[in-house]
Amino acid sequence: MKKLSRRILELTSSFIALHHGANRHTGIRKGQQRGSSLHSLQPSPIRTHTPHSMRPRNGWVYDIARAHKVPAIHLTSELRKDEQALLKLFQDHGITFIVLAGYLRLIPAAIVAAYPKRIINLHPALLPKFGGKGMHGMHVHEAVAVAGEAETGITVHYVDEQYDEGDIIAQFKVALEKSDSPQRIAEKIAKLEAEHFPEVVEKTIAFTK
């Protein structure tokens, strides 16, 4: 895989932008704990990023940043609502690629237009099933359980102006038992995220021209 140096910019819960830099190779290691998709993208002890973390009122994200010597920036609600200011922030930091991992808001049109096929998202179900506004986290797992699905999984897809409608990059499945509760489904999904998401992110960035 082509060696890349990346700067990660993490917004609110898990909005991450990766910047292709020079020389030093950086990577992503697997992990599984609270905010599993974000934790799966933590810096490796061997291969390191230099991310910027932005998350108001959530100390655990700052804990991750401090643990890995990541600069942390407070992103205000006013800035999140200002598309041009947010775009300028990305540009000022040299951001060229964005990975969403638990970010629940619709991405502003100006950001989508500025990063065509350069924003990807992780969804905890097999799209197009169980997608759309409001379908995230336990809401998805509860819907899957109620529907009596024989399998579920994760979807990594490009982001467009709509919720969960961008082109699919990869999907990974896991079988379900009739007795599986939403919590048990969540555990299976977290395992898939930890196993596959970092690799998909690495490959997608590597092959993005």
Foldseek 3Di string as FASTA:
>chain_A
DDFFAWEWEAAALGKIFIAGDDDAGWAFAFDFDVLLLRNLRQTDPVGGHAYEHEHPPDVVSVVSCVVRVHHYDHDDPVCQVDLVSVVVVCVVVRTQAIEGRQDQDFHDQSVCVVHPLRYKYKALWDPPPQWFHPRHDLNSLQVCLVVQDQKTWMWIFHHHRGTPPGHTDDIDMDGDDNPQDSVNSNVVHSVRSRVPVRVSVVVSVVPDD
